[in-house]
Amino acid sequence: MIGRPYKADMLEMLNQLTGGQVIFIDDNLKAFRGVPSSISCFWINRAGVARSSDLPSHVIEIETLADTRLLELCR
């Protein structure tokens, strides 16, 4: 896991919701380099430090666990 410890509960919830391996990365797009596209990645962009177009295609930017993109993925 890459990210701030206080968001560990979000990582756990993402893993439970998706039933797969999730890498959580916070506020640093460089951390995505080298992450295989087979791993589901979620980036919590609370600081607004980048736009979705700046993210690799296998990374899903979400605002909260209620984000519609996350809900659609978990269906």
Protein backbone atom coordinates (compact mmCIF):
# COMPACT_ATOMS: atom_id res chain seq x y z
CA MET A 1 0.00 0.00 0.00
CA ILE A 2 1.19 3.45 -0.83
CA GLY A 3 -0.56 6.28 0.91
CA ARG A 4 -1.33 7.91 4.19
CA PRO A 5 -2.15 5.60 7.11
CA TYR A 6 -5.37 7.41 8.00
CA LYS A 7 -6.85 6.23 4.71
CA ALA A 8 -6.13 2.56 5.40
CA ASP A 9 -9.80 1.99 6.18
CA MET A 10 -10.66 3.13 2.66
CA LEU A 11 -8.16 0.64 1.23
CA GLU A 12 -9.73 -2.18 3.22
CA MET A 13 -13.21 -1.23 2.05
CA LEU A 14 -12.05 -1.06 -1.58
CA ASN A 15 -10.55 -4.54 -1.30
CA GLN A 16 -13.77 -5.90 0.17
CA LEU A 17 -15.94 -4.21 -2.44
CA THR A 18 -13.91 -5.28 -5.45
CA GLY A 19 -12.89 -8.72 -4.19
CA GLY A 20 -9.48 -8.21 -5.74
CA GLN A 21 -6.08 -6.77 -5.21
CA VAL A 22 -6.20 -3.02 -4.87
CA ILE A 23 -3.36 -0.58 -4.65
CA PHE A 24 -4.26 2.71 -3.03
CA ILE A 25 -2.10 5.67 -3.88
CA ASP A 26 -2.54 9.14 -2.49
CA ASP A 27 -1.59 12.47 -4.03
CA ASN A 28 1.44 11.27 -6.01
CA LEU A 29 0.98 10.19 -9.61
CA LYS A 30 4.60 9.08 -9.85
CA ALA A 31 3.75 6.23 -7.47
CA PHE A 32 1.73 4.60 -10.25
CA ARG A 33 4.80 3.91 -12.36
CA GLY A 34 5.54 0.22 -12.54
CA VAL A 35 2.13 -0.91 -11.29
CA PRO A 36 0.91 -3.76 -13.54
CA SER A 37 -2.30 -3.05 -15.42
CA SER A 38 -3.76 -6.29 -14.05
CA ILE A 39 -3.99 -4.70 -10.59
CA SER A 40 -6.95 -2.50 -9.85
CA CYS A 41 -5.75 0.88 -8.71
CA PHE A 42 -7.78 3.62 -7.12
CA TRP A 43 -6.51 7.10 -6.60
CA ILE A 44 -8.29 9.24 -4.04
CA ASN A 45 -7.97 12.74 -5.43
CA ARG A 46 -9.08 14.91 -2.55
CA ALA A 47 -6.46 17.56 -3.12
CA GLY A 48 -7.29 18.02 -6.79
CA VAL A 49 -3.63 17.67 -7.71
CA ALA A 50 -4.29 16.23 -11.17
CA ARG A 51 -6.97 15.56 -13.74
CA SER A 52 -8.23 12.11 -14.67
CA SER A 53 -6.60 12.46 -18.07
CA ASP A 54 -3.22 12.42 -16.33
CA LEU A 55 -3.80 8.94 -14.91
CA PRO A 56 -2.78 5.63 -16.48
CA SER A 57 -5.73 3.83 -18.06
CA HIS A 58 -5.92 1.14 -15.37
CA VAL A 59 -6.17 3.65 -12.56
CA ILE A 60 -9.59 4.84 -11.45
CA GLU A 61 -9.79 8.23 -9.83
CA ILE A 62 -12.47 8.45 -7.19
CA GLU A 63 -13.52 11.14 -4.77
CA THR A 64 -15.12 8.94 -2.12
CA LEU A 65 -16.30 5.36 -1.69
CA ALA A 66 -19.69 6.53 -2.93
CA ASP A 67 -18.22 7.62 -6.26
CA THR A 68 -20.32 6.25 -9.13
CA ARG A 69 -17.24 4.93 -10.96
CA LEU A 70 -16.42 2.72 -8.00
CA LEU A 71 -20.02 1.58 -7.61
CA GLU A 72 -20.19 0.65 -11.30
CA LEU A 73 -16.98 -1.35 -11.05
CA CYS A 74 -18.30 -3.33 -8.09
CA ARG A 75 -21.55 -4.37 -9.78
